[in-house]
Amino acid sequence: MERYTTNTMTVERKGVFDKSRKKRFELTFTCKDSRQKKSILVIGLNPASDDISIIDTTTTFILNNLIPMGYTTVTICNLYGELFKQRLKPSEVPNNTENRKYLEEVLKRGFDTILLGYGNTFLTNKFVKEEKAYLRKLLSGYKDKVVDIVDDKGEYERLTAIHPLMAGRYFSCRWKLRSFVFEKEKTSDEKMPDGMKKADGEKVPEKTAKARDGKQSEKIRKPIKEEGEKKTDEESDSNQNSEPVAPAEATE
């Protein structure tokens, strides 16, 4: 047996749910045998499984890419805690307060890295935009730790907060983590078109002459979506895909 070598890894799984198991607040994987202790928090969109014995496609990509980077504790939380087995329906979430509070407490654990991976769907959805805005406030004290995924060749660098499912399908094993650039909150004056900034005590016309004539001075661009994030993906994959796939072992 001297000609053989053996690598072993014990990975502990922990899921945190509400009592009705209709919400999942956390899914954590801990490599118990590693000497190195490095932690990362992944914030996705929403969970889709209440069974921690199943490692779905999204989670597999997360583990297979982050564990080889040296992360021995991988915690997955989401913008929403509601379990939607198909696509997330933000308008059907009655109240997200409990998930917000849980995220706030999780952040206090002092992760080495915080990865935003909620993807580029729902960009114009008012409910999701509100949750992202609240998350930005929570992350205000952790900005130096917040990252997102980009490929090592920079082919997808124009996208932000890329979903791990998309990153895994298109450039698995080529992940790089870059510092996340937070958008500057615009003032009311900055949001106004040129020539429309108001002086103190001055009212701004609701419509310009061009607007009254039904013309627009410039076209509004539609937000960029992730390549590969087609309708089928949006409908079948939220944060977790239900396909059970065992993670590959990471070498030490």
C-alpha atoms as a PDB file:
ATOM      1  CA  MET A   1       0.000   0.000   0.000  1.00  0.00           C
ATOM      2  CA  GLU A   2       3.032   2.289   0.147  1.00  0.00           C
ATOM      3  CA  ARG A   3       2.594   3.246  -3.502  1.00  0.00           C
ATOM      4  CA  TYR A   4      -0.808   4.828  -2.766  1.00  0.00           C
ATOM      5  CA  THR A   5      -1.665   8.140  -1.197  1.00  0.00           C
ATOM      6  CA  THR A   6      -5.034   9.061   0.257  1.00  0.00           C
ATOM      7  CA  ASN A   7      -6.762  12.425   0.561  1.00  0.00           C
ATOM      8  CA  THR A   8      -9.813  12.782   2.770  1.00  0.00           C
ATOM      9  CA  MET A   9     -12.139  15.679   3.449  1.00  0.00           C
ATOM     10  CA  THR A  10     -15.002  15.847   5.922  1.00  0.00           C
ATOM     11  CA  VAL A  11     -17.535  18.518   5.010  1.00  0.00           C
ATOM     12  CA  GLU A  12     -20.223  19.324   7.547  1.00  0.00           C
ATOM     13  CA  ARG A  13     -23.530  20.730   6.269  1.00  0.00           C
ATOM     14  CA  LYS A  14     -25.882  22.916   8.261  1.00  0.00           C
ATOM     15  CA  GLY A  15     -29.199  24.419   7.188  1.00  0.00           C
ATOM     16  CA  VAL A  16     -31.217  26.978   9.150  1.00  0.00           C
ATOM     17  CA  PHE A  17     -34.974  27.144   8.453  1.00  0.00           C
ATOM     18  CA  ASP A  18     -38.081  28.606   9.996  1.00  0.00           C
ATOM     19  CA  LYS A  19     -40.282  26.151  11.926  1.00  0.00           C
ATOM     20  CA  SER A  20     -42.649  25.660   9.002  1.00  0.00           C
ATOM     21  CA  ARG A  21     -39.655  24.983   6.695  1.00  0.00           C
ATOM     22  CA  LYS A  22     -41.048  27.430   4.176  1.00  0.00           C
ATOM     23  CA  LYS A  23     -37.990  29.648   4.545  1.00  0.00           C
ATOM     24  CA  ARG A  24     -34.299  28.863   4.538  1.00  0.00           C
ATOM     25  CA  PHE A  25     -32.065  31.488   6.036  1.00  0.00           C
ATOM     26  CA  GLU A  26     -28.675  29.794   5.811  1.00  0.00           C
ATOM     27  CA  LEU A  27     -26.813  26.849   4.299  1.00  0.00           C
ATOM     28  CA  THR A  28     -23.254  26.397   5.580  1.00  0.00           C
ATOM     29  CA  PHE A  29     -20.527  23.952   4.551  1.00  0.00           C
ATOM     30  CA  THR A  30     -17.526  23.555   6.846  1.00  0.00           C
ATOM     31  CA  CYS A  31     -14.369  21.622   5.936  1.00  0.00           C
ATOM     32  CA  LYS A  32     -13.543  20.013   9.279  1.00  0.00           C
ATOM     33  CA  ASP A  33     -10.097  18.586   8.486  1.00  0.00           C
ATOM     34  CA  SER A  34      -8.438  21.685   7.076  1.00  0.00           C
ATOM     35  CA  ARG A  35      -5.684  23.465   8.969  1.00  0.00           C
ATOM     36  CA  GLN A  36      -6.557  26.696   7.198  1.00  0.00           C
ATOM     37  CA  LYS A  37      -9.540  28.637   8.491  1.00  0.00           C
ATOM     38  CA  LYS A  38     -10.955  30.997   5.889  1.00  0.00           C
ATOM     39  CA  SER A  39     -14.625  31.940   5.583  1.00  0.00           C
ATOM     40  CA  ILE A  40     -16.829  33.375   2.862  1.00  0.00           C
ATOM     41  CA  LEU A  41     -20.469  34.476   2.830  1.00  0.00           C
ATOM     42  CA  VAL A  42     -22.276  34.057  -0.501  1.00  0.00           C
ATOM     43  CA  ILE A  43     -25.444  36.139  -0.902  1.00  0.00           C
ATOM     44  CA  GLY A  44     -27.716  34.817  -3.630  1.00  0.00           C
ATOM     45  CA  LEU A  45     -31.292  35.545  -4.640  1.00  0.00           C
ATOM     46  CA  ASN A  46     -33.419  32.901  -2.929  1.00  0.00           C
ATOM     47  CA  PRO A  47     -33.211  29.227  -1.899  1.00  0.00           C
ATOM     48  CA  ALA A  48     -35.150  26.482  -3.645  1.00  0.00           C
ATOM     49  CA  SER A  49     -34.590  23.390  -1.503  1.00  0.00           C
ATOM     50  CA  ASP A  50     -35.260  22.458   2.108  1.00  0.00           C
ATOM     51  CA  ASP A  51     -33.254  19.232   1.810  1.00  0.00           C
ATOM     52  CA  ILE A  52     -29.609  19.670   2.827  1.00  0.00           C
ATOM     53  CA  SER A  53     -28.818  16.115   1.703  1.00  0.00           C
ATOM     54  CA  ILE A  54     -29.132  17.294  -1.905  1.00  0.00           C
ATOM     55  CA  ILE A  55     -26.284  19.327  -3.331  1.00  0.00           C
ATOM     56  CA  ASP A  56     -27.759  21.056  -6.360  1.00  0.00           C
ATOM     57  CA  THR A  57     -25.984  22.487  -9.375  1.00  0.00           C
ATOM     58  CA  THR A  58     -25.574  26.023  -8.029  1.00  0.00           C
ATOM     59  CA  THR A  59     -24.186  24.834  -4.702  1.00  0.00           C
ATOM     60  CA  THR A  60     -21.852  22.408  -6.477  1.00  0.00           C
ATOM     61  CA  PHE A  61     -20.375  25.237  -8.539  1.00  0.00           C
ATOM     62  CA  ILE A  62     -19.946  27.323  -5.392  1.00  0.00           C
ATOM     63  CA  LEU A  63     -18.119  24.566  -3.517  1.00  0.00           C
ATOM     64  CA  ASN A  64     -16.029  23.371  -6.460  1.00  0.00           C
ATOM     65  CA  ASN A  65     -14.737  26.871  -7.101  1.00  0.00           C
ATOM     66  CA  LEU A  66     -14.478  28.411  -3.628  1.00  0.00           C
ATOM     67  CA  ILE A  67     -13.017  25.484  -1.646  1.00  0.00           C
ATOM     68  CA  PRO A  68      -9.992  25.236  -3.996  1.00  0.00           C
ATOM     69  CA  MET A  69      -9.489  28.978  -3.377  1.00  0.00           C
ATOM     70  CA  GLY A  70      -8.873  28.119   0.254  1.00  0.00           C
ATOM     71  CA  TYR A  71     -12.272  28.842   1.780  1.00  0.00           C
ATOM     72  CA  THR A  72     -12.977  26.246   4.464  1.00  0.00           C
ATOM     73  CA  THR A  73     -16.316  27.690   5.590  1.00  0.00           C
ATOM     74  CA  VAL A  74     -18.834  28.551   2.881  1.00  0.00           C
ATOM     75  CA  THR A  75     -22.095  30.108   4.069  1.00  0.00           C
ATOM     76  CA  ILE A  76     -24.926  30.705   1.598  1.00  0.00           C
ATOM     77  CA  CYS A  77     -27.637  33.253   2.413  1.00  0.00           C
ATOM     78  CA  ASN A  78     -30.017  35.110   0.119  1.00  0.00           C
ATOM     79  CA  LEU A  79     -31.879  38.343  -0.503  1.00  0.00           C
ATOM     80  CA  TYR A  80     -35.056  36.348   0.163  1.00  0.00           C
ATOM     81  CA  GLY A  81     -35.563  33.450   2.549  1.00  0.00           C
ATOM     82  CA  GLU A  82     -38.709  32.091   0.875  1.00  0.00           C
ATOM     83  CA  LEU A  83     -38.369  28.670  -0.724  1.00  0.00           C
ATOM     84  CA  PHE A  84     -39.512  28.845  -4.343  1.00  0.00           C
ATOM     85  CA  LYS A  85     -38.878  25.554  -6.121  1.00  0.00           C
ATOM     86  CA  GLN A  86     -39.305  27.235  -9.479  1.00  0.00           C
ATOM     87  CA  ARG A  87     -38.692  30.924 -10.123  1.00  0.00           C
ATOM     88  CA  LEU A  88     -38.725  33.539  -7.373  1.00  0.00           C
ATOM     89  CA  LYS A  89     -41.908  35.627  -7.301  1.00  0.00           C
ATOM     90  CA  PRO A  90     -40.996  38.753  -5.284  1.00  0.00           C
ATOM     91  CA  SER A  91     -44.551  40.115  -5.311  1.00  0.00           C
ATOM     92  CA  GLU A  92     -45.706  36.976  -3.471  1.00  0.00           C
ATOM     93  CA  VAL A  93     -43.313  37.494  -0.546  1.00  0.00           C
ATOM     94  CA  PRO A  94     -45.518  39.050   2.142  1.00  0.00           C
ATOM     95  CA  ASN A  95     -42.722  40.216   4.428  1.00  0.00           C
ATOM     96  CA  ASN A  96     -38.941  39.901   4.208  1.00  0.00           C
ATOM     97  CA  THR A  97     -38.151  41.398   7.625  1.00  0.00           C
ATOM     98  CA  GLU A  98     -37.095  38.105   9.220  1.00  0.00           C
ATOM     99  CA  ASN A  99     -34.594  37.373   6.452  1.00  0.00           C
ATOM    100  CA  ARG A 100     -33.209  40.911   6.686  1.00  0.00           C
ATOM    101  CA  LYS A 101     -32.632  40.525  10.423  1.00  0.00           C
ATOM    102  CA  TYR A 102     -30.963  37.156   9.912  1.00  0.00           C
ATOM    103  CA  LEU A 103     -28.591  38.609   7.323  1.00  0.00           C
ATOM    104  CA  GLU A 104     -27.704  41.397   9.711  1.00  0.00           C
ATOM    105  CA  GLU A 105     -26.782  38.885  12.425  1.00  0.00           C
ATOM    106  CA  VAL A 106     -24.842  36.633  10.018  1.00  0.00           C
ATOM    107  CA  LEU A 107     -22.668  39.543   8.915  1.00  0.00           C
ATOM    108  CA  LYS A 108     -21.495  40.022  12.499  1.00  0.00           C
ATOM    109  CA  ARG A 109     -19.623  36.697  12.343  1.00  0.00           C
ATOM    110  CA  GLY A 110     -16.702  38.422  10.665  1.00  0.00           C
ATOM    111  CA  PHE A 111     -16.316  36.655   7.324  1.00  0.00           C
ATOM    112  CA  ASP A 112     -13.063  37.062   5.440  1.00  0.00           C
ATOM    113  CA  THR A 113     -14.981  37.636   2.186  1.00  0.00           C
ATOM    114  CA  ILE A 114     -18.565  38.494   1.224  1.00  0.00           C
ATOM    115  CA  LEU A 115     -19.553  37.400  -2.295  1.00  0.00           C
ATOM    116  CA  LEU A 116     -22.554  38.973  -4.020  1.00  0.00           C
ATOM    117  CA  GLY A 117     -24.067  36.450  -6.411  1.00  0.00           C
ATOM    118  CA  TYR A 118     -27.728  37.342  -6.839  1.00  0.00           C
ATOM    119  CA  GLY A 119     -27.391  37.637 -10.614  1.00  0.00           C
ATOM    120  CA  ASN A 120     -28.729  40.037 -13.207  1.00  0.00           C
ATOM    121  CA  THR A 121     -32.368  39.046 -13.399  1.00  0.00           C
ATOM    122  CA  PHE A 122     -35.132  41.157 -11.814  1.00  0.00           C
ATOM    123  CA  LEU A 123     -33.088  44.302 -12.525  1.00  0.00           C
ATOM    124  CA  THR A 124     -36.204  46.453 -12.871  1.00  0.00           C
ATOM    125  CA  ASN A 125     -38.368  44.698 -10.265  1.00  0.00           C
ATOM    126  CA  LYS A 126     -39.218  47.239  -7.562  1.00  0.00           C
ATOM    127  CA  PHE A 127     -39.332  44.642  -4.774  1.00  0.00           C
ATOM    128  CA  VAL A 128     -35.915  43.190  -5.594  1.00  0.00           C
ATOM    129  CA  LYS A 129     -34.440  46.665  -6.017  1.00  0.00           C
ATOM    130  CA  GLU A 130     -35.673  47.509  -2.530  1.00  0.00           C
ATOM    131  CA  GLU A 131     -33.988  44.414  -1.057  1.00  0.00           C
ATOM    132  CA  LYS A 132     -30.724  45.212  -2.841  1.00  0.00           C
ATOM    133  CA  ALA A 133     -30.846  48.763  -1.507  1.00  0.00           C
ATOM    134  CA  TYR A 134     -31.387  47.445   2.021  1.00  0.00           C
ATOM    135  CA  LEU A 135     -28.502  44.991   1.577  1.00  0.00           C
ATOM    136  CA  ARG A 136     -26.205  47.818   0.475  1.00  0.00           C
ATOM    137  CA  LYS A 137     -26.990  49.586   3.740  1.00  0.00           C
ATOM    138  CA  LEU A 138     -26.165  46.443   5.701  1.00  0.00           C
ATOM    139  CA  LEU A 139     -22.876  46.131   3.832  1.00  0.00           C
ATOM    140  CA  SER A 140     -21.848  49.750   4.346  1.00  0.00           C
ATOM    141  CA  GLY A 141     -19.446  48.742   7.111  1.00  0.00           C
ATOM    142  CA  TYR A 142     -18.011  45.760   5.198  1.00  0.00           C
ATOM    143  CA  LYS A 143     -17.249  47.285   1.786  1.00  0.00           C
ATOM    144  CA  ASP A 144     -13.590  46.265   1.868  1.00  0.00           C
ATOM    145  CA  LYS A 145     -14.668  42.595   2.025  1.00  0.00           C
ATOM    146  CA  VAL A 146     -17.389  42.606  -0.649  1.00  0.00           C
ATOM    147  CA  VAL A 147     -16.567  40.955  -3.993  1.00  0.00           C
ATOM    148  CA  ASP A 148     -18.268  39.488  -7.042  1.00  0.00           C
ATOM    149  CA  ILE A 149     -17.262  36.854  -9.600  1.00  0.00           C
ATOM    150  CA  VAL A 150     -15.427  37.515 -12.844  1.00  0.00           C
ATOM    151  CA  ASP A 151     -13.702  35.094 -15.205  1.00  0.00           C
ATOM    152  CA  ASP A 152      -9.918  35.012 -15.392  1.00  0.00           C
ATOM    153  CA  LYS A 153      -9.946  36.302 -18.989  1.00  0.00           C
ATOM    154  CA  GLY A 154     -12.241  39.253 -18.323  1.00  0.00           C
ATOM    155  CA  GLU A 155     -14.824  38.175 -20.901  1.00  0.00           C
ATOM    156  CA  TYR A 156     -17.711  38.868 -18.499  1.00  0.00           C
ATOM    157  CA  GLU A 157     -16.219  41.755 -16.569  1.00  0.00           C
ATOM    158  CA  ARG A 158     -19.009  44.141 -17.623  1.00  0.00           C
ATOM    159  CA  LEU A 159     -21.464  42.130 -15.524  1.00  0.00           C
ATOM    160  CA  THR A 160     -21.787  42.605 -11.778  1.00  0.00           C
ATOM    161  CA  ALA A 161     -22.901  40.213  -9.024  1.00  0.00           C
ATOM    162  CA  ILE A 162     -22.849  37.307 -11.499  1.00  0.00           C
ATOM    163  CA  HIS A 163     -24.929  34.344 -10.366  1.00  0.00           C
ATOM    164  CA  PRO A 164     -22.757  31.297  -9.485  1.00  0.00           C
ATOM    165  CA  LEU A 165     -24.940  29.128 -11.733  1.00  0.00           C
ATOM    166  CA  MET A 166     -24.129  31.274 -14.743  1.00  0.00           C
ATOM    167  CA  ALA A 167     -20.454  31.556 -13.730  1.00  0.00           C
ATOM    168  CA  GLY A 168     -20.244  27.801 -13.262  1.00  0.00           C
ATOM    169  CA  ARG A 169     -21.794  26.987 -16.602  1.00  0.00           C
ATOM    170  CA  TYR A 170     -19.721  29.424 -18.629  1.00  0.00           C
ATOM    171  CA  PHE A 171     -16.345  29.588 -16.875  1.00  0.00           C
ATOM    172  CA  SER A 172     -16.141  27.033 -14.084  1.00  0.00           C
ATOM    173  CA  CYS A 173     -12.682  26.634 -12.556  1.00  0.00           C
ATOM    174  CA  ARG A 174     -11.794  30.054 -13.981  1.00  0.00           C
ATOM    175  CA  TRP A 175     -13.371  32.180 -11.254  1.00  0.00           C
ATOM    176  CA  LYS A 176     -11.687  35.273  -9.930  1.00  0.00           C
ATOM    177  CA  LEU A 177     -13.044  37.414  -7.112  1.00  0.00           C
ATOM    178  CA  ARG A 178     -12.832  41.165  -7.642  1.00  0.00           C
ATOM    179  CA  SER A 179     -13.773  44.035  -5.369  1.00  0.00           C
ATOM    180  CA  PHE A 180     -17.416  44.955  -5.804  1.00  0.00           C
ATOM    181  CA  VAL A 181     -18.032  48.527  -6.945  1.00  0.00           C
ATOM    182  CA  PHE A 182     -20.942  50.042  -5.067  1.00  0.00           C
ATOM    183  CA  GLU A 183     -23.045  52.491  -7.059  1.00  0.00           C
ATOM    184  CA  LYS A 184     -22.976  56.008  -5.725  1.00  0.00           C
ATOM    185  CA  GLU A 185     -26.350  57.082  -4.409  1.00  0.00           C
ATOM    186  CA  LYS A 186     -27.452  59.989  -6.587  1.00  0.00           C
ATOM    187  CA  THR A 187     -28.872  63.159  -5.136  1.00  0.00           C
ATOM    188  CA  SER A 188     -32.155  64.533  -6.436  1.00  0.00           C
ATOM    189  CA  ASP A 189     -30.253  67.114  -8.506  1.00  0.00           C
ATOM    190  CA  GLU A 190     -27.968  64.462 -10.027  1.00  0.00           C
ATOM    191  CA  LYS A 191     -30.971  62.459 -11.171  1.00  0.00           C
ATOM    192  CA  MET A 192     -32.366  65.408 -13.159  1.00  0.00           C
ATOM    193  CA  PRO A 193     -31.554  65.893 -16.849  1.00  0.00           C
ATOM    194  CA  ASP A 194     -29.159  68.660 -17.878  1.00  0.00           C
ATOM    195  CA  GLY A 195     -30.712  72.094 -17.557  1.00  0.00           C
ATOM    196  CA  MET A 196     -33.300  70.842 -15.090  1.00  0.00           C
ATOM    197  CA  LYS A 197     -31.409  71.318 -11.804  1.00  0.00           C
ATOM    198  CA  LYS A 198     -33.394  73.507  -9.499  1.00  0.00           C
ATOM    199  CA  ALA A 199     -32.192  76.510  -7.586  1.00  0.00           C
ATOM    200  CA  ASP A 200     -33.255  77.168  -3.998  1.00  0.00           C
ATOM    201  CA  GLY A 201     -36.972  77.887  -3.898  1.00  0.00           C
ATOM    202  CA  GLU A 202     -37.345  77.301  -7.635  1.00  0.00           C
ATOM    203  CA  LYS A 203     -39.877  74.834  -8.996  1.00  0.00           C
ATOM    204  CA  VAL A 204     -38.915  72.446 -11.727  1.00  0.00           C
ATOM    205  CA  PRO A 205     -41.375  71.971 -14.600  1.00  0.00           C
ATOM    206  CA  GLU A 206     -42.880  68.515 -14.655  1.00  0.00           C
ATOM    207  CA  LYS A 207     -42.412  68.178 -18.408  1.00  0.00           C
ATOM    208  CA  THR A 208     -40.088  69.815 -20.879  1.00  0.00           C
ATOM    209  CA  ALA A 209     -41.355  71.112 -24.182  1.00  0.00           C
ATOM    210  CA  LYS A 210     -39.949  68.060 -25.941  1.00  0.00           C
ATOM    211  CA  ALA A 211     -41.664  65.748 -23.516  1.00  0.00           C
ATOM    212  CA  ARG A 212     -44.968  67.540 -24.113  1.00  0.00           C
ATOM    213  CA  ASP A 213     -44.507  66.979 -27.816  1.00  0.00           C
ATOM    214  CA  GLY A 214     -44.051  63.285 -27.085  1.00  0.00           C
ATOM    215  CA  LYS A 215     -40.331  63.268 -27.918  1.00  0.00           C
ATOM    216  CA  GLN A 216     -37.429  62.069 -25.824  1.00  0.00           C
ATOM    217  CA  SER A 217     -34.020  63.697 -25.872  1.00  0.00           C
ATOM    218  CA  GLU A 218     -32.259  60.366 -25.611  1.00  0.00           C
ATOM    219  CA  LYS A 219     -33.095  56.672 -25.615  1.00  0.00           C
ATOM    220  CA  ILE A 220     -33.133  54.691 -22.409  1.00  0.00           C
ATOM    221  CA  ARG A 221     -30.984  51.619 -22.602  1.00  0.00           C
ATOM    222  CA  LYS A 222     -32.285  48.368 -21.282  1.00  0.00           C
ATOM    223  CA  PRO A 223     -30.192  46.861 -18.478  1.00  0.00           C
ATOM    224  CA  ILE A 224     -27.709  44.196 -19.531  1.00  0.00           C
ATOM    225  CA  LYS A 225     -28.575  40.661 -18.521  1.00  0.00           C
ATOM    226  CA  GLU A 226     -26.110  37.886 -18.024  1.00  0.00           C
ATOM    227  CA  GLU A 227     -25.238  35.918 -21.109  1.00  0.00           C
ATOM    228  CA  GLY A 228     -26.816  32.514 -20.909  1.00  0.00           C
ATOM    229  CA  GLU A 229     -29.457  33.688 -18.480  1.00  0.00           C
ATOM    230  CA  LYS A 230     -32.264  32.819 -20.858  1.00  0.00           C
ATOM    231  CA  LYS A 231     -35.914  32.509 -20.010  1.00  0.00           C
ATOM    232  CA  THR A 232     -35.564  28.811 -19.291  1.00  0.00           C
ATOM    233  CA  ASP A 233     -32.879  29.510 -16.693  1.00  0.00           C
ATOM    234  CA  GLU A 234     -34.865  32.317 -15.130  1.00  0.00           C
ATOM    235  CA  GLU A 235     -37.912  30.125 -14.764  1.00  0.00           C
ATOM    236  CA  SER A 236     -36.171  26.998 -13.502  1.00  0.00           C
ATOM    237  CA  ASP A 237     -33.223  28.386 -11.522  1.00  0.00           C
ATOM    238  CA  SER A 238     -33.484  31.008  -8.811  1.00  0.00           C
ATOM    239  CA  ASN A 239     -30.621  30.551  -6.396  1.00  0.00           C
ATOM    240  CA  GLN A 240     -30.627  26.787  -6.240  1.00  0.00           C
ATOM    241  CA  ASN A 241     -31.155  24.242  -8.977  1.00  0.00           C
ATOM    242  CA  SER A 242     -32.888  21.036  -7.858  1.00  0.00           C
ATOM    243  CA  GLU A 243     -30.569  18.713  -9.775  1.00  0.00           C
ATOM    244  CA  PRO A 244     -28.587  16.637  -7.247  1.00  0.00           C
ATOM    245  CA  VAL A 245     -24.884  16.658  -8.091  1.00  0.00           C
ATOM    246  CA  ALA A 246     -22.136  15.539  -5.739  1.00  0.00           C
ATOM    247  CA  PRO A 247     -19.250  18.024  -5.361  1.00  0.00           C
ATOM    248  CA  ALA A 248     -15.817  17.024  -6.563  1.00  0.00           C
ATOM    249  CA  GLU A 249     -13.113  16.699  -3.961  1.00  0.00           C
ATOM    250  CA  ALA A 250     -10.778  19.642  -3.598  1.00  0.00           C
ATOM    251  CA  THR A 251      -7.086  18.869  -3.359  1.00  0.00           C
ATOM    252  CA  GLU A 252      -5.101  20.299  -0.508  1.00  0.00           C
END
